[in-house]
PDB file of N, CA and C in Angstrom:
ATOM      1  N   MET A   1      45.645   4.047  42.221  1.00  0.00           N
ATOM      2  CA  MET A   1      44.171   4.433  42.012  1.00  0.00           C
ATOM      3  C   MET A   1      43.337   4.975  42.856  1.00  0.00           C
ATOM      4  N   SER A   2      42.653   5.874  43.239  1.00  0.00           N
ATOM      5  CA  SER A   2      41.361   5.683  44.501  1.00  0.00           C
ATOM      6  C   SER A   2      40.615   4.467  43.783  1.00  0.00           C
ATOM      7  N   LYS A   3      39.364   3.503  44.877  1.00  0.00           N
ATOM      8  CA  LYS A   3      38.197   3.071  44.202  1.00  0.00           C
ATOM      9  C   LYS A   3      36.882   4.118  43.936  1.00  0.00           C
ATOM     10  N   ASN A   4      36.405   3.735  42.423  1.00  0.00           N
ATOM     11  CA  ASN A   4      35.758   4.510  41.971  1.00  0.00           C
ATOM     12  C   ASN A   4      34.352   4.071  42.412  1.00  0.00           C
ATOM     13  N   LYS A   5      32.854   4.767  42.848  1.00  0.00           N
ATOM     14  CA  LYS A   5      31.713   3.574  43.309  1.00  0.00           C
ATOM     15  C   LYS A   5      30.870   4.059  41.895  1.00  0.00           C
ATOM     16  N   GLY A   6      30.655   5.222  40.338  1.00  0.00           N
ATOM     17  CA  GLY A   6      30.578   5.778  39.747  1.00  0.00           C
ATOM     18  C   GLY A   6      30.757   5.697  38.531  1.00  0.00           C
ATOM     19  N   PHE A   7      29.997   5.782  38.279  1.00  0.00           N
ATOM     20  CA  PHE A   7      30.770   5.701  36.162  1.00  0.00           C
ATOM     21  C   PHE A   7      31.035   7.027  36.117  1.00  0.00           C
ATOM     22  N   ILE A   8      32.117   7.002  35.238  1.00  0.00           N
ATOM     23  CA  ILE A   8      32.610   7.956  35.008  1.00  0.00           C
ATOM     24  C   ILE A   8      32.434   9.173  33.807  1.00  0.00           C
ATOM     25  N   TRP A   9      32.465  10.548  33.377  1.00  0.00           N
ATOM     26  CA  TRP A   9      32.769  11.752  32.755  1.00  0.00           C
ATOM     27  C   TRP A   9      32.561   9.669  30.896  1.00  0.00           C
ATOM     28  N   ILE A  10      33.371  10.526  31.427  1.00  0.00           N
ATOM     29  CA  ILE A  10      33.740   9.787  29.388  1.00  0.00           C
ATOM     30  C   ILE A  10      32.729   7.862  28.663  1.00  0.00           C
ATOM     31  N   GLU A  11      32.739   7.659  30.155  1.00  0.00           N
ATOM     32  CA  GLU A  11      31.357   5.585  29.982  1.00  0.00           C
ATOM     33  C   GLU A  11      30.915   6.161  29.658  1.00  0.00           C
ATOM     34  N   THR A  12      29.638   7.555  30.221  1.00  0.00           N
ATOM     35  CA  THR A  12      28.750   7.971  30.686  1.00  0.00           C
ATOM     36  C   THR A  12      28.183   8.329  28.837  1.00  0.00           C
ATOM     37  N   LEU A  13      29.602   9.321  28.425  1.00  0.00           N
ATOM     38  CA  LEU A  13      29.341   9.953  27.055  1.00  0.00           C
ATOM     39  C   LEU A  13      29.026   9.043  25.890  1.00  0.00           C
ATOM     40  N   VAL A  14      29.901   8.190  26.145  1.00  0.00           N
ATOM     41  CA  VAL A  14      29.929   6.522  24.994  1.00  0.00           C
ATOM     42  C   VAL A  14      28.530   6.467  25.136  1.00  0.00           C
ATOM     43  N   SER A  15      27.795   5.274  26.670  1.00  0.00           N
ATOM     44  CA  SER A  15      27.043   4.919  26.436  1.00  0.00           C
ATOM     45  C   SER A  15      26.419   6.400  25.876  1.00  0.00           C
ATOM     46  N   LEU A  16      26.035   7.127  26.446  1.00  0.00           N
ATOM     47  CA  LEU A  16      24.400   8.303  25.432  1.00  0.00           C
ATOM     48  C   LEU A  16      24.764   7.929  23.918  1.00  0.00           C
ATOM     49  N   ASN A  17      26.021   8.073  23.919  1.00  0.00           N
ATOM     50  CA  ASN A  17      26.291   7.884  22.046  1.00  0.00           C
ATOM     51  C   ASN A  17      25.884   6.646  21.123  1.00  0.00           C
ATOM     52  N   ILE A  18      26.205   5.373  21.733  1.00  0.00           N
ATOM     53  CA  ILE A  18      25.727   4.263  21.797  1.00  0.00           C
ATOM     54  C   ILE A  18      23.629   4.744  21.069  1.00  0.00           C
ATOM     55  N   VAL A  19      24.052   4.810  22.836  1.00  0.00           N
ATOM     56  CA  VAL A  19      22.213   5.106  22.572  1.00  0.00           C
ATOM     57  C   VAL A  19      21.313   5.672  21.036  1.00  0.00           C
ATOM     58  N   LEU A  20      22.136   6.993  21.434  1.00  0.00           N
ATOM     59  CA  LEU A  20      21.613   7.698  19.724  1.00  0.00           C
ATOM     60  C   LEU A  20      21.595   6.717  18.904  1.00  0.00           C
ATOM     61  N   LEU A  21      22.970   7.057  18.573  1.00  0.00           N
ATOM     62  CA  LEU A  21      23.031   6.417  17.265  1.00  0.00           C
ATOM     63  C   LEU A  21      22.281   4.871  17.247  1.00  0.00           C
ATOM     64  N   MET A  22      21.937   3.854  18.302  1.00  0.00           N
ATOM     65  CA  MET A  22      20.977   3.139  17.879  1.00  0.00           C
ATOM     66  C   MET A  22      19.579   4.105  17.486  1.00  0.00           C
ATOM     67  N   SER A  23      19.812   4.835  17.863  1.00  0.00           N
ATOM     68  CA  SER A  23      17.522   5.696  17.528  1.00  0.00           C
ATOM     69  C   SER A  23      17.940   5.632  16.445  1.00  0.00           C
ATOM     70  N   THR A  24      19.121   6.511  15.928  1.00  0.00           N
ATOM     71  CA  THR A  24      18.776   7.167  14.446  1.00  0.00           C
ATOM     72  C   THR A  24      18.350   6.299  13.385  1.00  0.00           C
ATOM     73  N   VAL A  25      19.575   4.879  13.933  1.00  0.00           N
ATOM     74  CA  VAL A  25      18.802   4.209  13.101  1.00  0.00           C
ATOM     75  C   VAL A  25      17.325   3.498  12.812  1.00  0.00           C
ATOM     76  N   ALA A  26      16.895   2.941  14.194  1.00  0.00           N
ATOM     77  CA  ALA A  26      16.008   2.642  14.480  1.00  0.00           C
ATOM     78  C   ALA A  26      14.702   3.302  13.665  1.00  0.00           C
ATOM     79  N   ILE A  27      14.413   4.545  13.963  1.00  0.00           N
ATOM     80  CA  ILE A  27      13.968   5.335  13.823  1.00  0.00           C
ATOM     81  C   ILE A  27      12.973   5.417  11.863  1.00  0.00           C
ATOM     82  N   PRO A  28      14.205   5.426  11.313  1.00  0.00           N
ATOM     83  CA  PRO A  28      14.140   5.817   9.684  1.00  0.00           C
ATOM     84  C   PRO A  28      13.086   3.907   9.223  1.00  0.00           C
ATOM     85  N   ILE A  29      13.829   2.931  10.150  1.00  0.00           N
ATOM     86  CA  ILE A  29      13.916   1.945   9.594  1.00  0.00           C
ATOM     87  C   ILE A  29      12.045   1.599  10.002  1.00  0.00           C
ATOM     88  N   TYR A  30      12.155   2.125  11.502  1.00  0.00           N
ATOM     89  CA  TYR A  30      10.284   1.661  11.784  1.00  0.00           C
ATOM     90  C   TYR A  30       9.538   2.542  10.424  1.00  0.00           C
ATOM     91  N   THR A  31       9.751   4.195  11.406  1.00  0.00           N
ATOM     92  CA  THR A  31       8.918   4.432   9.858  1.00  0.00           C
ATOM     93  C   THR A  31       8.595   3.593   8.155  1.00  0.00           C
ATOM     94  N   THR A  32       9.928   3.924   8.022  1.00  0.00           N
ATOM     95  CA  THR A  32       9.388   2.758   6.809  1.00  0.00           C
ATOM     96  C   THR A  32       8.598   1.284   6.549  1.00  0.00           C
ATOM     97  N   ILE A  33       9.064   0.266   7.590  1.00  0.00           N
ATOM     98  CA  ILE A  33       8.058  -0.372   7.964  1.00  0.00           C
ATOM     99  C   ILE A  33       6.819   0.064   7.461  1.00  0.00           C
ATOM    100  N   GLN A  34       6.401   0.761   8.506  1.00  0.00           N
ATOM    101  CA  GLN A  34       5.096   1.208   8.694  1.00  0.00           C
ATOM    102  C   GLN A  34       4.884   1.576   7.425  1.00  0.00           C
ATOM    103  N   GLN A  35       5.233   2.494   6.987  1.00  0.00           N
ATOM    104  CA  GLN A  35       4.803   3.018   5.676  1.00  0.00           C
ATOM    105  C   GLN A  35       4.669   1.855   4.579  1.00  0.00           C
ATOM    106  N   GLU A  36       5.041   0.956   4.465  1.00  0.00           N
ATOM    107  CA  GLU A  36       5.013  -0.747   3.585  1.00  0.00           C
ATOM    108  C   GLU A  36       4.083  -1.328   3.675  1.00  0.00           C
ATOM    109  N   LYS A  37       3.852  -1.006   5.867  1.00  0.00           N
ATOM    110  CA  LYS A  37       2.574  -1.893   5.319  1.00  0.00           C
ATOM    111  C   LYS A  37       1.653  -1.748   5.182  1.00  0.00           C
ATOM    112  N   GLU A  38       1.803  -0.153   5.668  1.00  0.00           N
ATOM    113  CA  GLU A  38      -0.401   0.850   4.566  1.00  0.00           C
ATOM    114  C   GLU A  38       0.022   0.362   3.310  1.00  0.00           C
ATOM    115  N   VAL A  39       1.310   0.059   2.067  1.00  0.00           N
ATOM    116  CA  VAL A  39       0.881  -0.036   1.504  1.00  0.00           C
ATOM    117  C   VAL A  39       0.698  -1.368   0.790  1.00  0.00           C
ATOM    118  N   LEU A  40       0.745  -2.364   1.303  1.00  0.00           N
ATOM    119  CA  LEU A  40       0.781  -3.280   1.568  1.00  0.00           C
ATOM    120  C   LEU A  40      -0.834  -3.692   1.511  1.00  0.00           C
ATOM    121  N   HIS A  41      -1.609  -2.823   3.168  1.00  0.00           N
ATOM    122  CA  HIS A  41      -2.552  -3.461   3.320  1.00  0.00           C
ATOM    123  C   HIS A  41      -3.882  -2.676   1.673  1.00  0.00           C
ATOM    124  N   GLU A  42      -3.183  -0.700   1.377  1.00  0.00           N
ATOM    125  CA  GLU A  42      -4.068  -0.657   0.301  1.00  0.00           C
ATOM    126  C   GLU A  42      -4.510  -1.499  -0.504  1.00  0.00           C
ATOM    127  N   ARG A  43      -3.790  -2.061  -1.122  1.00  0.00           N
ATOM    128  CA  ARG A  43      -3.447  -3.145  -1.895  1.00  0.00           C
ATOM    129  C   ARG A  43      -4.715  -3.949  -2.133  1.00  0.00           C
ATOM    130  N   SER A  44      -4.286  -5.008  -0.940  1.00  0.00           N
ATOM    131  CA  SER A  44      -4.673  -5.789  -0.370  1.00  0.00           C
ATOM    132  C   SER A  44      -6.829  -5.269  -1.118  1.00  0.00           C
ATOM    133  N   VAL A  45      -7.120  -4.346  -0.215  1.00  0.00           N
ATOM    134  CA  VAL A  45      -8.411  -3.411  -0.101  1.00  0.00           C
ATOM    135  C   VAL A  45      -9.012  -2.952  -1.601  1.00  0.00           C
ATOM    136  N   PHE A  46      -7.821  -2.367  -2.594  1.00  0.00           N
ATOM    137  CA  PHE A  46      -8.325  -2.672  -3.758  1.00  0.00           C
ATOM    138  C   PHE A  46      -7.945  -3.275  -4.572  1.00  0.00           C
ATOM    139  N   SER A  47      -8.540  -3.952  -4.100  1.00  0.00           N
ATOM    140  CA  SER A  47      -7.612  -5.134  -5.283  1.00  0.00           C
ATOM    141  C   SER A  47      -9.100  -6.242  -4.684  1.00  0.00           C
ATOM    142  N   LEU A  48      -9.360  -5.682  -3.956  1.00  0.00           N
ATOM    143  CA  LEU A  48     -10.772  -6.879  -2.965  1.00  0.00           C
ATOM    144  C   LEU A  48     -12.170  -6.244  -3.599  1.00  0.00           C
ATOM    145  N   HIS A  49     -12.157  -4.952  -3.974  1.00  0.00           N
ATOM    146  CA  HIS A  49     -13.533  -3.946  -4.258  1.00  0.00           C
ATOM    147  C   HIS A  49     -12.566  -3.988  -5.717  1.00  0.00           C
ATOM    148  N   LEU A  50     -11.728  -4.424  -6.862  1.00  0.00           N
ATOM    149  CA  LEU A  50     -11.270  -4.095  -7.731  1.00  0.00           C
ATOM    150  C   LEU A  50     -12.716  -5.504  -8.257  1.00  0.00           C
ATOM    151  N   PHE A  51     -12.201  -7.146  -7.583  1.00  0.00           N
ATOM    152  CA  PHE A  51     -12.983  -8.385  -7.621  1.00  0.00           C
ATOM    153  C   PHE A  51     -14.738  -8.250  -7.700  1.00  0.00           C
ATOM    154  N   ASN A  52     -14.684  -7.664  -6.553  1.00  0.00           N
ATOM    155  CA  ASN A  52     -16.668  -6.867  -5.822  1.00  0.00           C
ATOM    156  C   ASN A  52     -16.814  -6.832  -7.504  1.00  0.00           C
ATOM    157  N   GLU A  53     -16.165  -5.470  -8.267  1.00  0.00           N
ATOM    158  CA  GLU A  53     -16.551  -4.503  -9.396  1.00  0.00           C
ATOM    159  C   GLU A  53     -16.690  -4.954 -10.309  1.00  0.00           C
ATOM    160  N   LEU A  54     -15.929  -6.088 -10.483  1.00  0.00           N
ATOM    161  CA  LEU A  54     -15.784  -7.138 -11.865  1.00  0.00           C
ATOM    162  C   LEU A  54     -15.950  -7.621 -12.063  1.00  0.00           C
ATOM    163  N   GLN A  55     -17.274  -8.143 -10.308  1.00  0.00           N
ATOM    164  CA  GLN A  55     -17.891  -9.896 -10.509  1.00  0.00           C
ATOM    165  C   GLN A  55     -19.530  -9.366 -11.478  1.00  0.00           C
ATOM    166  N   LEU A  56     -19.297  -7.579 -10.897  1.00  0.00           N
ATOM    167  CA  LEU A  56     -20.359  -6.739 -10.824  1.00  0.00           C
ATOM    168  C   LEU A  56     -20.507  -6.779 -12.723  1.00  0.00           C
ATOM    169  N   LYS A  57     -19.614  -6.398 -13.067  1.00  0.00           N
ATOM    170  CA  LYS A  57     -19.716  -6.192 -14.827  1.00  0.00           C
ATOM    171  C   LYS A  57     -19.775  -7.374 -15.734  1.00  0.00           C
ATOM    172  N   LEU A  58     -19.176  -8.568 -15.033  1.00  0.00           N
ATOM    173  CA  LEU A  58     -19.095 -10.087 -15.171  1.00  0.00           C
ATOM    174  C   LEU A  58     -20.930 -10.382 -15.754  1.00  0.00           C
ATOM    175  N   GLY A  59     -21.321 -10.301 -14.513  1.00  0.00           N
ATOM    176  CA  GLY A  59     -22.892  -9.914 -14.407  1.00  0.00           C
ATOM    177  C   GLY A  59     -24.233  -9.346 -15.453  1.00  0.00           C
ATOM    178  N   GLU A  60     -23.414  -8.725 -15.705  1.00  0.00           N
ATOM    179  CA  GLU A  60     -24.367  -7.370 -16.981  1.00  0.00           C
ATOM    180  C   GLU A  60     -24.288  -8.700 -18.205  1.00  0.00           C
ATOM    181  N   GLU A  61     -25.218  -7.937 -19.543  1.00  0.00           N
ATOM    182  CA  GLU A  61     -24.922  -8.149 -20.521  1.00  0.00           C
ATOM    183  C   GLU A  61     -23.347  -8.582 -21.685  1.00  0.00           C
ATOM    184  N   GLU A  62     -23.170  -6.932 -21.682  1.00  0.00           N
ATOM    185  CA  GLU A  62     -21.219  -6.909 -21.997  1.00  0.00           C
ATOM    186  C   GLU A  62     -21.381  -5.021 -21.218  1.00  0.00           C
ATOM    187  N   ILE A  63     -20.518  -5.273 -21.880  1.00  0.00           N
ATOM    188  CA  ILE A  63     -19.933  -3.799 -21.986  1.00  0.00           C
ATOM    189  C   ILE A  63     -19.688  -3.146 -23.349  1.00  0.00           C
ATOM    190  N   THR A  64     -20.196  -1.922 -22.942  1.00  0.00           N
ATOM    191  CA  THR A  64     -20.126  -1.259 -24.205  1.00  0.00           C
ATOM    192  C   THR A  64     -19.259  -0.227 -24.243  1.00  0.00           C
ATOM    193  N   ASN A  65     -18.224   0.112 -25.425  1.00  0.00           N
ATOM    194  CA  ASN A  65     -17.115   1.145 -24.779  1.00  0.00           C
ATOM    195  C   ASN A  65     -16.179   0.495 -23.528  1.00  0.00           C
ATOM    196  N   ASP A  66     -15.543   1.387 -23.562  1.00  0.00           N
ATOM    197  CA  ASP A  66     -14.861   1.576 -21.871  1.00  0.00           C
ATOM    198  C   ASP A  66     -15.215   1.711 -20.759  1.00  0.00           C
ATOM    199  N   GLN A  67     -15.521   1.549 -19.846  1.00  0.00           N
ATOM    200  CA  GLN A  67     -16.584   2.242 -19.074  1.00  0.00           C
ATOM    201  C   GLN A  67     -15.480   2.467 -17.983  1.00  0.00           C
ATOM    202  N   THR A  68     -15.590   2.964 -17.680  1.00  0.00           N
ATOM    203  CA  THR A  68     -14.389   3.766 -16.519  1.00  0.00           C
ATOM    204  C   THR A  68     -14.885   5.080 -15.389  1.00  0.00           C
ATOM    205  N   PHE A  69     -15.485   4.806 -13.898  1.00  0.00           N
ATOM    206  CA  PHE A  69     -15.640   5.475 -12.513  1.00  0.00           C
ATOM    207  C   PHE A  69     -15.000   6.318 -11.685  1.00  0.00           C
ATOM    208  N   LYS A  70     -14.722   6.983 -11.167  1.00  0.00           N
ATOM    209  CA  LYS A  70     -14.068   7.580  -9.439  1.00  0.00           C
ATOM    210  C   LYS A  70     -15.433   6.641  -8.651  1.00  0.00           C
ATOM    211  N   LYS A  71     -14.480   6.438  -7.412  1.00  0.00           N
ATOM    212  CA  LYS A  71     -15.568   6.213  -5.834  1.00  0.00           C
ATOM    213  C   LYS A  71     -13.743   6.076  -4.710  1.00  0.00           C
ATOM    214  N   ASN A  72     -14.796   6.177  -3.801  1.00  0.00           N
ATOM    215  CA  ASN A  72     -14.245   6.655  -2.828  1.00  0.00           C
ATOM    216  C   ASN A  72     -13.919   5.559  -1.764  1.00  0.00           C
ATOM    217  N   ILE A  73     -12.913   5.401  -1.593  1.00  0.00           N
ATOM    218  CA  ILE A  73     -12.839   3.680  -1.369  1.00  0.00           C
ATOM    219  C   ILE A  73     -11.522   4.826   0.410  1.00  0.00           C
ATOM    220  N   ASN A  74     -11.913   5.127   1.600  1.00  0.00           N
ATOM    221  CA  ASN A  74     -11.144   4.272   2.931  1.00  0.00           C
ATOM    222  C   ASN A  74     -10.459   6.248   2.914  1.00  0.00           C
ATOM    223  N   LYS A  75     -11.010   6.992   1.985  1.00  0.00           N
ATOM    224  CA  LYS A  75     -11.292   8.969   1.865  1.00  0.00           C
ATOM    225  C   LYS A  75     -10.099   8.604   1.068  1.00  0.00           C
ATOM    226  N   GLN A  76      -9.147   7.561   0.038  1.00  0.00           N
ATOM    227  CA  GLN A  76      -8.172   7.235  -0.930  1.00  0.00           C
ATOM    228  C   GLN A  76      -9.847   7.318  -2.493  1.00  0.00           C
ATOM    229  N   GLU A  77      -9.162   8.436  -3.726  1.00  0.00           N
ATOM    230  CA  GLU A  77     -10.359   8.671  -4.761  1.00  0.00           C
ATOM    231  C   GLU A  77      -8.840   7.438  -5.822  1.00  0.00           C
ATOM    232  N   ALA A  78     -10.380   6.617  -6.517  1.00  0.00           N
ATOM    233  CA  ALA A  78      -9.823   5.493  -7.354  1.00  0.00           C
ATOM    234  C   ALA A  78     -10.446   5.463  -8.392  1.00  0.00           C
ATOM    235  N   THR A  79      -9.996   5.103  -9.419  1.00  0.00           N
ATOM    236  CA  THR A  79     -10.658   5.490 -10.698  1.00  0.00           C
ATOM    237  C   THR A  79     -10.500   4.183 -11.459  1.00  0.00           C
ATOM    238  N   PHE A  80     -11.873   3.218 -11.730  1.00  0.00           N
ATOM    239  CA  PHE A  80     -12.199   1.440 -11.915  1.00  0.00           C
ATOM    240  C   PHE A  80     -12.504   1.863 -13.490  1.00  0.00           C
ATOM    241  N   SER A  81     -10.686   1.161 -14.280  1.00  0.00           N
ATOM    242  CA  SER A  81     -12.474   0.974 -15.757  1.00  0.00           C
ATOM    243  C   SER A  81     -12.104   0.068 -16.336  1.00  0.00           C
ATOM    244  N   PHE A  82     -12.788  -0.512 -17.009  1.00  0.00           N
ATOM    245  CA  PHE A  82     -13.264  -2.429 -17.576  1.00  0.00           C
ATOM    246  C   PHE A  82     -13.419  -1.987 -18.966  1.00  0.00           C
ATOM    247  N   THR A  83     -12.740  -3.002 -19.520  1.00  0.00           N
ATOM    248  CA  THR A  83     -12.436  -3.243 -21.424  1.00  0.00           C
ATOM    249  C   THR A  83     -12.845  -4.653 -21.614  1.00  0.00           C
ATOM    250  N   THR A  84     -13.172  -4.728 -22.551  1.00  0.00           N
ATOM    251  CA  THR A  84     -13.078  -6.536 -23.521  1.00  0.00           C
ATOM    252  C   THR A  84     -11.977  -6.531 -24.261  1.00  0.00           C
ATOM    253  N   GLU A  85     -11.629  -7.582 -24.037  1.00  0.00           N
ATOM    254  CA  GLU A  85     -10.558  -8.382 -24.659  1.00  0.00           C
ATOM    255  C   GLU A  85     -11.802  -9.438 -25.562  1.00  0.00           C
ATOM    256  N   GLY A  86     -11.693  -9.881 -26.356  1.00  0.00           N
ATOM    257  CA  GLY A  86     -12.612 -10.901 -26.704  1.00  0.00           C
ATOM    258  C   GLY A  86     -13.180 -10.703 -25.961  1.00  0.00           C
ATOM    259  N   ALA A  87     -13.286 -12.767 -25.196  1.00  0.00           N
ATOM    260  CA  ALA A  87     -14.678 -13.174 -24.753  1.00  0.00           C
ATOM    261  C   ALA A  87     -13.601 -12.580 -23.101  1.00  0.00           C
ATOM    262  N   TYR A  88     -12.388 -11.905 -22.449  1.00  0.00           N
ATOM    263  CA  TYR A  88     -12.940 -11.843 -21.226  1.00  0.00           C
ATOM    264  C   TYR A  88     -13.011  -9.792 -21.018  1.00  0.00           C
ATOM    265  N   VAL A  89     -12.992  -9.602 -19.770  1.00  0.00           N
ATOM    266  CA  VAL A  89     -13.370  -8.371 -19.690  1.00  0.00           C
ATOM    267  C   VAL A  89     -11.727  -8.163 -18.398  1.00  0.00           C
ATOM    268  N   LYS A  90     -11.144  -6.508 -19.179  1.00  0.00           N
ATOM    269  CA  LYS A  90     -10.407  -6.565 -18.316  1.00  0.00           C
ATOM    270  C   LYS A  90     -10.574  -5.493 -17.095  1.00  0.00           C
ATOM    271  N   GLY A  91     -10.267  -5.485 -15.936  1.00  0.00           N
ATOM    272  CA  GLY A  91     -10.879  -4.545 -14.884  1.00  0.00           C
ATOM    273  C   GLY A  91      -9.616  -4.163 -14.667  1.00  0.00           C
ATOM    274  N   CYS A  92      -9.227  -2.613 -14.054  1.00  0.00           N
ATOM    275  CA  CYS A  92      -8.130  -2.191 -13.547  1.00  0.00           C
ATOM    276  C   CYS A  92      -8.497  -0.925 -12.390  1.00  0.00           C
ATOM    277  N   VAL A  93      -7.986  -0.787 -11.934  1.00  0.00           N
ATOM    278  CA  VAL A  93      -8.261   0.593 -11.226  1.00  0.00           C
ATOM    279  C   VAL A  93      -7.305   0.929 -10.711  1.00  0.00           C
ATOM    280  N   ASN A  94      -6.840   2.768 -10.519  1.00  0.00           N
ATOM    281  CA  ASN A  94      -5.288   3.098  -9.723  1.00  0.00           C
ATOM    282  C   ASN A  94      -5.713   4.321  -8.970  1.00  0.00           C
ATOM    283  N   TRP A  95      -4.867   4.185  -8.581  1.00  0.00           N
ATOM    284  CA  TRP A  95      -4.796   5.542  -6.970  1.00  0.00           C
ATOM    285  C   TRP A  95      -3.566   5.506  -6.383  1.00  0.00           C
ATOM    286  N   LYS A  96      -3.243   7.209  -5.720  1.00  0.00           N
ATOM    287  CA  LYS A  96      -2.702   7.102  -5.463  1.00  0.00           C
ATOM    288  C   LYS A  96      -1.905   6.331  -3.682  1.00  0.00           C
ATOM    289  N   ASN A  97      -0.753   5.770  -3.725  1.00  0.00           N
ATOM    290  CA  ASN A  97      -0.960   4.688  -2.124  1.00  0.00           C
ATOM    291  C   ASN A  97      -0.306   5.783  -1.133  1.00  0.00           C
ATOM    292  N   ALA A  98       0.297   5.321  -0.125  1.00  0.00           N
ATOM    293  CA  ALA A  98       0.160   5.860   0.881  1.00  0.00           C
ATOM    294  C   ALA A  98       2.133   7.351   0.433  1.00  0.00           C
ATOM    295  N   LYS A  99       2.438   6.793   0.155  1.00  0.00           N
ATOM    296  CA  LYS A  99       3.769   6.937  -0.477  1.00  0.00           C
ATOM    297  C   LYS A  99       3.962   8.061  -1.358  1.00  0.00           C
ATOM    298  N   GLU A 100       2.423   8.597  -1.491  1.00  0.00           N
ATOM    299  CA  GLU A 100       1.351   9.596  -3.220  1.00  0.00           C
ATOM    300  C   GLU A 100       2.513   8.714  -4.770  1.00  0.00           C
ATOM    301  N   ARG A 101       2.742   7.453  -4.689  1.00  0.00           N
ATOM    302  CA  ARG A 101       2.757   6.850  -6.020  1.00  0.00           C
ATOM    303  C   ARG A 101       2.168   6.259  -6.425  1.00  0.00           C
ATOM    304  N   GLU A 102       1.987   6.307  -7.942  1.00  0.00           N
ATOM    305  CA  GLU A 102       0.555   5.983  -8.350  1.00  0.00           C
ATOM    306  C   GLU A 102       0.831   4.622  -8.624  1.00  0.00           C
ATOM    307  N   GLU A 103       0.160   3.922  -8.317  1.00  0.00           N
ATOM    308  CA  GLU A 103      -0.683   2.120  -8.609  1.00  0.00           C
ATOM    309  C   GLU A 103      -1.342   1.633  -9.070  1.00  0.00           C
ATOM    310  N   LYS A 104      -1.786   0.408 -10.304  1.00  0.00           N
ATOM    311  CA  LYS A 104      -2.610  -0.357 -11.170  1.00  0.00           C
ATOM    312  C   LYS A 104      -2.166  -1.122 -10.854  1.00  0.00           C
ATOM    313  N   ARG A 105      -3.675  -2.050 -10.177  1.00  0.00           N
ATOM    314  CA  ARG A 105      -3.742  -3.636 -10.361  1.00  0.00           C
ATOM    315  C   ARG A 105      -4.480  -3.741 -11.376  1.00  0.00           C
ATOM    316  N   CYS A 106      -5.131  -4.923 -12.659  1.00  0.00           N
ATOM    317  CA  CYS A 106      -5.748  -5.651 -12.746  1.00  0.00           C
ATOM    318  C   CYS A 106      -5.834  -7.193 -12.420  1.00  0.00           C
ATOM    319  N   LEU A 107      -7.733  -6.737 -12.902  1.00  0.00           N
ATOM    320  CA  LEU A 107      -7.684  -8.283 -13.086  1.00  0.00           C
ATOM    321  C   LEU A 107      -8.632  -9.009 -13.455  1.00  0.00           C
ATOM    322  N   TYR A 108      -8.628 -10.445 -14.555  1.00  0.00           N
ATOM    323  CA  TYR A 108      -9.317 -10.184 -15.585  1.00  0.00           C
ATOM    324  C   TYR A 108     -10.720 -11.620 -15.217  1.00  0.00           C
ATOM    325  N   GLY A 109     -11.469 -11.196 -16.148  1.00  0.00           N
ATOM    326  CA  GLY A 109     -12.567 -12.240 -16.086  1.00  0.00           C
ATOM    327  C   GLY A 109     -12.829 -12.672 -17.272  1.00  0.00           C
ATOM    328  N   ILE A 110     -13.610 -13.890 -17.210  1.00  0.00           N
ATOM    329  CA  ILE A 110     -14.701 -14.432 -18.504  1.00  0.00           C
ATOM    330  C   ILE A 110     -15.994 -14.498 -18.682  1.00  0.00           C
ATOM    331  N   TRP A 111     -16.487 -13.777 -20.033  1.00  0.00           N
ATOM    332  CA  TRP A 111     -17.726 -13.995 -20.156  1.00  0.00           C
ATOM    333  C   TRP A 111     -18.148 -15.190 -19.542  1.00  0.00           C
ATOM    334  N   PRO A 112     -19.611 -15.312 -18.429  1.00  0.00           N
ATOM    335  CA  PRO A 112     -20.210 -17.089 -18.713  1.00  0.00           C
ATOM    336  C   PRO A 112     -20.022 -17.371 -19.810  1.00  0.00           C
ATOM    337  N   VAL A 113     -20.306 -18.866 -20.025  1.00  0.00           N
ATOM    338  CA  VAL A 113     -21.511 -19.211 -21.180  1.00  0.00           C
ATOM    339  C   VAL A 113     -22.813 -19.641 -20.767  1.00  0.00           C
TER     340      VAL A 113
END
């Protein structure tokens, strides 16, 4: 055999195949991680807004019936609802997350004595 000073065709195809295989695995994983990151960020933002709205409701004298209203947060529509359950106020927020799934978070507060 003579001395070869470079890659042969088969080695090039094998290395190209490995690179393509790794990228077909890595790209979907990366996009899924980015979506999950966005969903977690939305949860924290909507929970914070729910907490703030619940604090405002607890400052009121009382909640008559169920109170529901809609609010736009970061270009997404969220539905806030507040109900009384004995000495507690239950506040919930509903929205569609980055994966287009319905999400709901609820917090409870107690009337000041």
